[in-house]
Amino acid sequence: MTYVSFPHYQRLCGWGEPAESPASRPRLTGHHQCDVVVVGAGYTGISAARQLAQLRPQDSILLLEADQVGGALPAGTLDLFCRHR
């Protein structure tokens, strides 16, 4: 029986690299008031904020991200599919 070990990458995946550098945003300072805070703007955070906005349009929703919004999105999920031949 033959076993293949994954991942054995031969080329890089372009999903993790944006076409342009994202614009940097100033650090959030001061006091802010909102109804809901969502921490992290990956798949889960963006989906949660969107769902909350649809279900509770009257609420103020603050989505916080320490790095790049969507920055870590498909890196782990799609690497195998992008890189494996």
PDB file of N, CA and C in Angstrom:
ATOM      1  N   MET A   1       0.845  -1.171   0.000  1.00  0.00           N
ATOM      2  CA  MET A   1       0.000   0.000   0.000  1.00  0.00           C
ATOM      3  C   MET A   1       0.893   1.237   0.000  1.00  0.00           C
ATOM      4  N   THR A   2       0.527   2.231  -0.795  1.00  0.00           N
ATOM      5  CA  THR A   2       1.293   3.465  -0.884  1.00  0.00           C
ATOM      6  C   THR A   2       0.579   4.576  -0.128  1.00  0.00           C
ATOM      7  N   TYR A   3       1.351   5.333   0.628  1.00  0.00           N
ATOM      8  CA  TYR A   3       0.801   6.474   1.359  1.00  0.00           C
ATOM      9  C   TYR A   3       1.396   7.753   0.814  1.00  0.00           C
ATOM     10  N   VAL A   4       0.588   8.767   0.708  1.00  0.00           N
ATOM     11  CA  VAL A   4       1.046  10.079   0.281  1.00  0.00           C
ATOM     12  C   VAL A   4       0.902  11.011   1.468  1.00  0.00           C
ATOM     13  N   SER A   5       1.965  11.714   1.774  1.00  0.00           N
ATOM     14  CA  SER A   5       1.941  12.647   2.896  1.00  0.00           C
ATOM     15  C   SER A   5       1.628  14.047   2.386  1.00  0.00           C
ATOM     16  N   PHE A   6       0.621  14.665   2.952  1.00  0.00           N
ATOM     17  CA  PHE A   6       0.272  16.042   2.593  1.00  0.00           C
ATOM     18  C   PHE A   6       0.612  16.935   3.754  1.00  0.00           C
ATOM     19  N   PRO A   7       0.939  18.139   3.585  1.00  0.00           N
ATOM     20  CA  PRO A   7       1.159  18.764   2.288  1.00  0.00           C
ATOM     21  C   PRO A   7       2.607  18.601   1.838  1.00  0.00           C
ATOM     22  N   HIS A   8       2.803  18.364   0.563  1.00  0.00           N
ATOM     23  CA  HIS A   8       4.139  18.494  -0.015  1.00  0.00           C
ATOM     24  C   HIS A   8       3.990  19.492  -1.160  1.00  0.00           C
ATOM     25  N   TYR A   9       4.259  20.726  -0.834  1.00  0.00           N
ATOM     26  CA  TYR A   9       3.986  21.851  -1.724  1.00  0.00           C
ATOM     27  C   TYR A   9       5.076  22.011  -2.769  1.00  0.00           C
ATOM     28  N   GLN A  10       4.655  22.299  -3.966  1.00  0.00           N
ATOM     29  CA  GLN A  10       5.587  22.551  -5.053  1.00  0.00           C
ATOM     30  C   GLN A  10       5.575  24.014  -5.491  1.00  0.00           C
ATOM     31  N   ARG A  11       4.507  24.703  -5.190  1.00  0.00           N
ATOM     32  CA  ARG A  11       4.401  26.109  -5.588  1.00  0.00           C
ATOM     33  C   ARG A  11       3.584  26.858  -4.547  1.00  0.00           C
ATOM     34  N   LEU A  12       3.690  28.174  -4.563  1.00  0.00           N
ATOM     35  CA  LEU A  12       2.989  28.999  -3.587  1.00  0.00           C
ATOM     36  C   LEU A  12       1.563  29.284  -4.016  1.00  0.00           C
ATOM     37  N   CYS A  13       0.730  29.528  -3.064  1.00  0.00           N
ATOM     38  CA  CYS A  13      -0.664  29.882  -3.311  1.00  0.00           C
ATOM     39  C   CYS A  13      -0.801  31.397  -3.245  1.00  0.00           C
ATOM     40  N   GLY A  14      -1.519  31.987  -4.156  1.00  0.00           N
ATOM     41  CA  GLY A  14      -1.672  33.435  -4.186  1.00  0.00           C
ATOM     42  C   GLY A  14      -2.799  33.981  -3.343  1.00  0.00           C
ATOM     43  N   TRP A  15      -3.612  33.119  -2.738  1.00  0.00           N
ATOM     44  CA  TRP A  15      -4.766  33.595  -1.984  1.00  0.00           C
ATOM     45  C   TRP A  15      -4.383  34.487  -0.819  1.00  0.00           C
ATOM     46  N   GLY A  16      -3.267  34.199  -0.174  1.00  0.00           N
ATOM     47  CA  GLY A  16      -2.897  34.954   1.015  1.00  0.00           C
ATOM     48  C   GLY A  16      -2.271  36.300   0.728  1.00  0.00           C
ATOM     49  N   GLU A  17      -1.938  36.572  -0.517  1.00  0.00           N
ATOM     50  CA  GLU A  17      -1.283  37.821  -0.869  1.00  0.00           C
ATOM     51  C   GLU A  17      -2.245  38.758  -1.589  1.00  0.00           C
ATOM     52  N   PRO A  18      -2.537  39.925  -0.999  1.00  0.00           N
ATOM     53  CA  PRO A  18      -3.426  40.873  -1.670  1.00  0.00           C
ATOM     54  C   PRO A  18      -2.745  41.483  -2.893  1.00  0.00           C
ATOM     55  N   ALA A  19      -3.538  41.885  -3.859  1.00  0.00           N
ATOM     56  CA  ALA A  19      -2.999  42.515  -5.062  1.00  0.00           C
ATOM     57  C   ALA A  19      -2.316  43.834  -4.712  1.00  0.00           C
ATOM     58  N   GLU A  20      -2.871  44.541  -3.758  1.00  0.00           N
ATOM     59  CA  GLU A  20      -2.301  45.803  -3.294  1.00  0.00           C
ATOM     60  C   GLU A  20      -2.196  45.749  -1.783  1.00  0.00           C
ATOM     61  N   SER A  21      -1.272  46.509  -1.238  1.00  0.00           N
ATOM     62  CA  SER A  21      -1.173  46.578   0.218  1.00  0.00           C
ATOM     63  C   SER A  21      -2.409  47.275   0.757  1.00  0.00           C
ATOM     64  N   PRO A  22      -3.012  46.715   1.797  1.00  0.00           N
ATOM     65  CA  PRO A  22      -4.197  47.360   2.358  1.00  0.00           C
ATOM     66  C   PRO A  22      -3.823  48.677   3.022  1.00  0.00           C
ATOM     67  N   ALA A  23      -4.736  49.616   2.961  1.00  0.00           N
ATOM     68  CA  ALA A  23      -4.502  50.909   3.595  1.00  0.00           C
ATOM     69  C   ALA A  23      -4.463  50.716   5.105  1.00  0.00           C
ATOM     70  N   SER A  24      -3.476  51.316   5.743  1.00  0.00           N
ATOM     71  CA  SER A  24      -3.416  51.200   7.199  1.00  0.00           C
ATOM     72  C   SER A  24      -4.457  52.130   7.812  1.00  0.00           C
ATOM     73  N   ARG A  25      -4.960  51.732   8.915  1.00  0.00           N
ATOM     74  CA  ARG A  25      -5.983  52.498   9.622  1.00  0.00           C
ATOM     75  C   ARG A  25      -5.416  52.961  10.949  1.00  0.00           C
ATOM     76  N   PRO A  26      -5.862  54.112  11.419  1.00  0.00           N
ATOM     77  CA  PRO A  26      -5.368  54.586  12.718  1.00  0.00           C
ATOM     78  C   PRO A  26      -5.875  53.697  13.847  1.00  0.00           C
ATOM     79  N   ARG A  27      -5.095  53.643  14.914  1.00  0.00           N
ATOM     80  CA  ARG A  27      -5.475  52.875  16.096  1.00  0.00           C
ATOM     81  C   ARG A  27      -6.723  53.494  16.710  1.00  0.00           C
ATOM     82  N   LEU A  28      -7.629  52.646  17.148  1.00  0.00           N
ATOM     83  CA  LEU A  28      -8.857  53.099  17.790  1.00  0.00           C
ATOM     84  C   LEU A  28      -8.516  53.625  19.177  1.00  0.00           C
ATOM     85  N   THR A  29      -8.889  54.849  19.454  1.00  0.00           N
ATOM     86  CA  THR A  29      -8.618  55.447  20.763  1.00  0.00           C
ATOM     87  C   THR A  29      -9.884  56.078  21.306  1.00  0.00           C
ATOM     88  N   GLY A  30      -9.854  56.410  22.559  1.00  0.00           N
ATOM     89  CA  GLY A  30     -10.988  57.095  23.168  1.00  0.00           C
ATOM     90  C   GLY A  30     -12.065  56.128  23.609  1.00  0.00           C
ATOM     91  N   HIS A  31     -13.193  56.694  23.972  1.00  0.00           N
ATOM     92  CA  HIS A  31     -14.335  55.908  24.443  1.00  0.00           C
ATOM     93  C   HIS A  31     -15.353  55.779  23.321  1.00  0.00           C
ATOM     94  N   HIS A  32     -15.867  54.587  23.147  1.00  0.00           N
ATOM     95  CA  HIS A  32     -16.857  54.320  22.111  1.00  0.00           C
ATOM     96  C   HIS A  32     -18.021  53.570  22.732  1.00  0.00           C
ATOM     97  N   GLN A  33     -19.199  53.891  22.283  1.00  0.00           N
ATOM     98  CA  GLN A  33     -20.388  53.217  22.792  1.00  0.00           C
ATOM     99  C   GLN A  33     -21.053  52.467  21.645  1.00  0.00           C
ATOM    100  N   CYS A  34     -21.404  51.217  21.907  1.00  0.00           N
ATOM    101  CA  CYS A  34     -22.086  50.407  20.908  1.00  0.00           C
ATOM    102  C   CYS A  34     -22.903  49.346  21.626  1.00  0.00           C
ATOM    103  N   ASP A  35     -23.744  48.676  20.879  1.00  0.00           N
ATOM    104  CA  ASP A  35     -24.565  47.608  21.453  1.00  0.00           C
ATOM    105  C   ASP A  35     -23.840  46.267  21.457  1.00  0.00           C
ATOM    106  N   VAL A  36     -23.041  46.019  20.422  1.00  0.00           N
ATOM    107  CA  VAL A  36     -22.351  44.734  20.279  1.00  0.00           C
ATOM    108  C   VAL A  36     -20.929  44.988  19.790  1.00  0.00           C
ATOM    109  N   VAL A  37     -19.972  44.259  20.367  1.00  0.00           N
ATOM    110  CA  VAL A  37     -18.594  44.289  19.884  1.00  0.00           C
ATOM    111  C   VAL A  37     -18.249  42.890  19.381  1.00  0.00           C
ATOM    112  N   VAL A  38     -17.768  42.806  18.150  1.00  0.00           N
ATOM    113  CA  VAL A  38     -17.286  41.543  17.591  1.00  0.00           C
ATOM    114  C   VAL A  38     -15.774  41.691  17.470  1.00  0.00           C
ATOM    115  N   VAL A  39     -15.034  40.797  18.122  1.00  0.00           N
ATOM    116  CA  VAL A  39     -13.577  40.865  18.113  1.00  0.00           C
ATOM    117  C   VAL A  39     -13.042  39.836  17.122  1.00  0.00           C
ATOM    118  N   GLY A  40     -12.329  40.333  16.124  1.00  0.00           N
ATOM    119  CA  GLY A  40     -11.747  39.464  15.102  1.00  0.00           C
ATOM    120  C   GLY A  40     -12.547  39.512  13.819  1.00  0.00           C
ATOM    121  N   ALA A  41     -11.865  39.847  12.725  1.00  0.00           N
ATOM    122  CA  ALA A  41     -12.540  39.984  11.437  1.00  0.00           C
ATOM    123  C   ALA A  41     -12.082  38.916  10.454  1.00  0.00           C
ATOM    124  N   GLY A  42     -12.107  37.674  10.933  1.00  0.00           N
ATOM    125  CA  GLY A  42     -11.899  36.526  10.045  1.00  0.00           C
ATOM    126  C   GLY A  42     -13.262  36.058   9.566  1.00  0.00           C
ATOM    127  N   TYR A  43     -13.329  34.816   9.068  1.00  0.00           N
ATOM    128  CA  TYR A  43     -14.620  34.278   8.607  1.00  0.00           C
ATOM    129  C   TYR A  43     -15.700  34.414   9.672  1.00  0.00           C
ATOM    130  N   THR A  44     -15.388  33.966  10.885  1.00  0.00           N
ATOM    131  CA  THR A  44     -16.391  33.936  11.946  1.00  0.00           C
ATOM    132  C   THR A  44     -16.811  35.329  12.369  1.00  0.00           C
ATOM    133  N   GLY A  45     -15.853  36.218  12.584  1.00  0.00           N
ATOM    134  CA  GLY A  45     -16.175  37.574  13.018  1.00  0.00           C
ATOM    135  C   GLY A  45     -16.977  38.349  11.992  1.00  0.00           C
ATOM    136  N   ILE A  46     -16.560  38.281  10.744  1.00  0.00           N
ATOM    137  CA  ILE A  46     -17.286  38.981   9.682  1.00  0.00           C
ATOM    138  C   ILE A  46     -18.692  38.404   9.535  1.00  0.00           C
ATOM    139  N   SER A  47     -18.798  37.089   9.575  1.00  0.00           N
ATOM    140  CA  SER A  47     -20.118  36.450   9.463  1.00  0.00           C
ATOM    141  C   SER A  47     -21.013  36.820  10.631  1.00  0.00           C
ATOM    142  N   ALA A  48     -20.446  36.830  11.835  1.00  0.00           N
ATOM    143  CA  ALA A  48     -21.235  37.187  13.019  1.00  0.00           C
ATOM    144  C   ALA A  48     -21.713  38.632  12.942  1.00  0.00           C
ATOM    145  N   ALA A  49     -20.827  39.546  12.571  1.00  0.00           N
ATOM    146  CA  ALA A  49     -21.205  40.957  12.469  1.00  0.00           C
ATOM    147  C   ALA A  49     -22.279  41.159  11.398  1.00  0.00           C
ATOM    148  N   ARG A  50     -22.140  40.482  10.294  1.00  0.00           N
ATOM    149  CA  ARG A  50     -23.128  40.604   9.210  1.00  0.00           C
ATOM    150  C   ARG A  50     -24.489  40.063   9.643  1.00  0.00           C
ATOM    151  N   GLN A  51     -24.477  38.900  10.279  1.00  0.00           N
ATOM    152  CA  GLN A  51     -25.732  38.301  10.739  1.00  0.00           C
ATOM    153  C   GLN A  51     -26.404  39.187  11.786  1.00  0.00           C
ATOM    154  N   LEU A  52     -25.616  39.720  12.712  1.00  0.00           N
ATOM    155  CA  LEU A  52     -26.169  40.628  13.721  1.00  0.00           C
ATOM    156  C   LEU A  52     -26.772  41.872  13.072  1.00  0.00           C
ATOM    157  N   ALA A  53     -26.084  42.415  12.072  1.00  0.00           N
ATOM    158  CA  ALA A  53     -26.590  43.607  11.383  1.00  0.00           C
ATOM    159  C   ALA A  53     -27.918  43.321  10.687  1.00  0.00           C
ATOM    160  N   GLN A  54     -28.068  42.114  10.151  1.00  0.00           N
ATOM    161  CA  GLN A  54     -29.328  41.757   9.491  1.00  0.00           C
ATOM    162  C   GLN A  54     -30.444  41.511  10.500  1.00  0.00           C
ATOM    163  N   LEU A  55     -30.107  40.864  11.608  1.00  0.00           N
ATOM    164  CA  LEU A  55     -31.122  40.531  12.606  1.00  0.00           C
ATOM    165  C   LEU A  55     -31.490  41.702  13.514  1.00  0.00           C
ATOM    166  N   ARG A  56     -30.526  42.599  13.726  1.00  0.00           N
ATOM    167  CA  ARG A  56     -30.736  43.716  14.646  1.00  0.00           C
ATOM    168  C   ARG A  56     -30.273  45.020  13.999  1.00  0.00           C
ATOM    169  N   PRO A  57     -30.952  45.472  12.956  1.00  0.00           N
ATOM    170  CA  PRO A  57     -30.502  46.660  12.223  1.00  0.00           C
ATOM    171  C   PRO A  57     -30.487  47.933  13.067  1.00  0.00           C
ATOM    172  N   GLN A  58     -31.214  47.946  14.164  1.00  0.00           N
ATOM    173  CA  GLN A  58     -31.251  49.123  15.024  1.00  0.00           C
ATOM    174  C   GLN A  58     -30.019  49.209  15.929  1.00  0.00           C
ATOM    175  N   ASP A  59     -29.263  48.122  16.073  1.00  0.00           N
ATOM    176  CA  ASP A  59     -28.114  48.090  16.973  1.00  0.00           C
ATOM    177  C   ASP A  59     -26.857  48.645  16.316  1.00  0.00           C
ATOM    178  N   SER A  60     -26.006  49.193  17.147  1.00  0.00           N
ATOM    179  CA  SER A  60     -24.693  49.660  16.719  1.00  0.00           C
ATOM    180  C   SER A  60     -23.707  48.514  16.935  1.00  0.00           C
ATOM    181  N   ILE A  61     -23.044  48.072  15.864  1.00  0.00           N
ATOM    182  CA  ILE A  61     -22.146  46.918  15.933  1.00  0.00           C
ATOM    183  C   ILE A  61     -20.734  47.380  15.593  1.00  0.00           C
ATOM    184  N   LEU A  62     -19.797  47.073  16.477  1.00  0.00           N
ATOM    185  CA  LEU A  62     -18.402  47.449  16.292  1.00  0.00           C
ATOM    186  C   LEU A  62     -17.596  46.189  16.009  1.00  0.00           C
ATOM    187  N   LEU A  63     -16.931  46.143  14.861  1.00  0.00           N
ATOM    188  CA  LEU A  63     -16.104  44.996  14.465  1.00  0.00           C
ATOM    189  C   LEU A  63     -14.644  45.408  14.617  1.00  0.00           C
ATOM    190  N   LEU A  64     -13.910  44.726  15.498  1.00  0.00           N
ATOM    191  CA  LEU A  64     -12.519  45.068  15.775  1.00  0.00           C
ATOM    192  C   LEU A  64     -11.578  44.016  15.200  1.00  0.00           C
ATOM    193  N   GLU A  65     -10.470  44.469  14.631  1.00  0.00           N
ATOM    194  CA  GLU A  65      -9.447  43.569  14.104  1.00  0.00           C
ATOM    195  C   GLU A  65      -8.085  44.185  14.398  1.00  0.00           C
ATOM    196  N   ALA A  66      -7.190  43.421  14.987  1.00  0.00           N
ATOM    197  CA  ALA A  66      -5.864  43.916  15.342  1.00  0.00           C
ATOM    198  C   ALA A  66      -4.924  43.964  14.145  1.00  0.00           C
ATOM    199  N   ASP A  67      -5.173  43.148  13.150  1.00  0.00           N
ATOM    200  CA  ASP A  67      -4.272  43.061  12.008  1.00  0.00           C
ATOM    201  C   ASP A  67      -5.021  43.501  10.757  1.00  0.00           C
ATOM    202  N   GLN A  68      -5.026  42.685   9.742  1.00  0.00           N
ATOM    203  CA  GLN A  68      -5.688  43.002   8.480  1.00  0.00           C
ATOM    204  C   GLN A  68      -7.034  42.284   8.429  1.00  0.00           C
ATOM    205  N   VAL A  69      -8.085  43.006   8.082  1.00  0.00           N
ATOM    206  CA  VAL A  69      -9.407  42.390   7.966  1.00  0.00           C
ATOM    207  C   VAL A  69      -9.340  41.298   6.909  1.00  0.00           C
ATOM    208  N   GLY A  70      -9.741  40.108   7.290  1.00  0.00           N
ATOM    209  CA  GLY A  70      -9.675  38.976   6.373  1.00  0.00           C
ATOM    210  C   GLY A  70      -8.265  38.498   6.104  1.00  0.00           C
ATOM    211  N   GLY A  71      -7.301  38.986   6.866  1.00  0.00           N
ATOM    212  CA  GLY A  71      -5.897  38.686   6.605  1.00  0.00           C
ATOM    213  C   GLY A  71      -5.528  37.224   6.688  1.00  0.00           C
ATOM    214  N   ALA A  72      -6.168  36.485   7.565  1.00  0.00           N
ATOM    215  CA  ALA A  72      -5.816  35.076   7.730  1.00  0.00           C
ATOM    216  C   ALA A  72      -6.849  34.173   7.084  1.00  0.00           C
ATOM    217  N   LEU A  73      -7.704  34.719   6.262  1.00  0.00           N
ATOM    218  CA  LEU A  73      -8.816  33.926   5.768  1.00  0.00           C
ATOM    219  C   LEU A  73      -8.393  32.596   5.180  1.00  0.00           C
ATOM    220  N   PRO A  74      -8.332  32.363   3.949  1.00  0.00           N
ATOM    221  CA  PRO A  74      -8.199  30.979   3.500  1.00  0.00           C
ATOM    222  C   PRO A  74      -6.807  30.380   3.604  1.00  0.00           C
ATOM    223  N   ALA A  75      -5.908  31.006   4.318  1.00  0.00           N
ATOM    224  CA  ALA A  75      -4.527  30.529   4.345  1.00  0.00           C
ATOM    225  C   ALA A  75      -4.425  29.038   4.644  1.00  0.00           C
ATOM    226  N   GLY A  76      -4.957  28.602   5.752  1.00  0.00           N
ATOM    227  CA  GLY A  76      -4.862  27.189   6.099  1.00  0.00           C
ATOM    228  C   GLY A  76      -5.842  26.333   5.337  1.00  0.00           C
ATOM    229  N   THR A  77      -7.001  26.867   5.061  1.00  0.00           N
ATOM    230  CA  THR A  77      -8.061  26.100   4.426  1.00  0.00           C
ATOM    231  C   THR A  77      -7.753  25.777   2.969  1.00  0.00           C
ATOM    232  N   LEU A  78      -7.257  26.744   2.233  1.00  0.00           N
ATOM    233  CA  LEU A  78      -7.081  26.552   0.793  1.00  0.00           C
ATOM    234  C   LEU A  78      -5.660  26.208   0.368  1.00  0.00           C
ATOM    235  N   ASP A  79      -4.695  26.306   1.281  1.00  0.00           N
ATOM    236  CA  ASP A  79      -3.314  26.031   0.891  1.00  0.00           C
ATOM    237  C   ASP A  79      -3.149  24.669   0.231  1.00  0.00           C
ATOM    238  N   LEU A  80      -3.722  23.661   0.826  1.00  0.00           N
ATOM    239  CA  LEU A  80      -3.566  22.314   0.282  1.00  0.00           C
ATOM    240  C   LEU A  80      -4.104  22.231  -1.143  1.00  0.00           C
ATOM    241  N   PHE A  81      -5.249  22.849  -1.391  1.00  0.00           N
ATOM    242  CA  PHE A  81      -5.864  22.792  -2.711  1.00  0.00           C
ATOM    243  C   PHE A  81      -5.115  23.634  -3.729  1.00  0.00           C
ATOM    244  N   CYS A  82      -4.556  24.757  -3.286  1.00  0.00           N
ATOM    245  CA  CYS A  82      -3.829  25.628  -4.208  1.00  0.00           C
ATOM    246  C   CYS A  82      -2.455  25.075  -4.549  1.00  0.00           C
ATOM    247  N   ARG A  83      -1.824  24.440  -3.594  1.00  0.00           N
ATOM    248  CA  ARG A  83      -0.431  24.057  -3.775  1.00  0.00           C
ATOM    249  C   ARG A  83      -0.231  22.642  -4.279  1.00  0.00           C
ATOM    250  N   HIS A  84      -1.141  21.759  -4.005  1.00  0.00           N
ATOM    251  CA  HIS A  84      -0.944  20.362  -4.401  1.00  0.00           C
ATOM    252  C   HIS A  84      -1.206  20.194  -5.893  1.00  0.00           C
ATOM    253  N   ARG A  85      -0.355  19.467  -6.550  1.00  0.00           N
ATOM    254  CA  ARG A  85      -0.543  19.234  -7.985  1.00  0.00           C
ATOM    255  C   ARG A  85      -1.249  17.941  -8.225  1.00  0.00           C
TER     256      ARG A  85
END
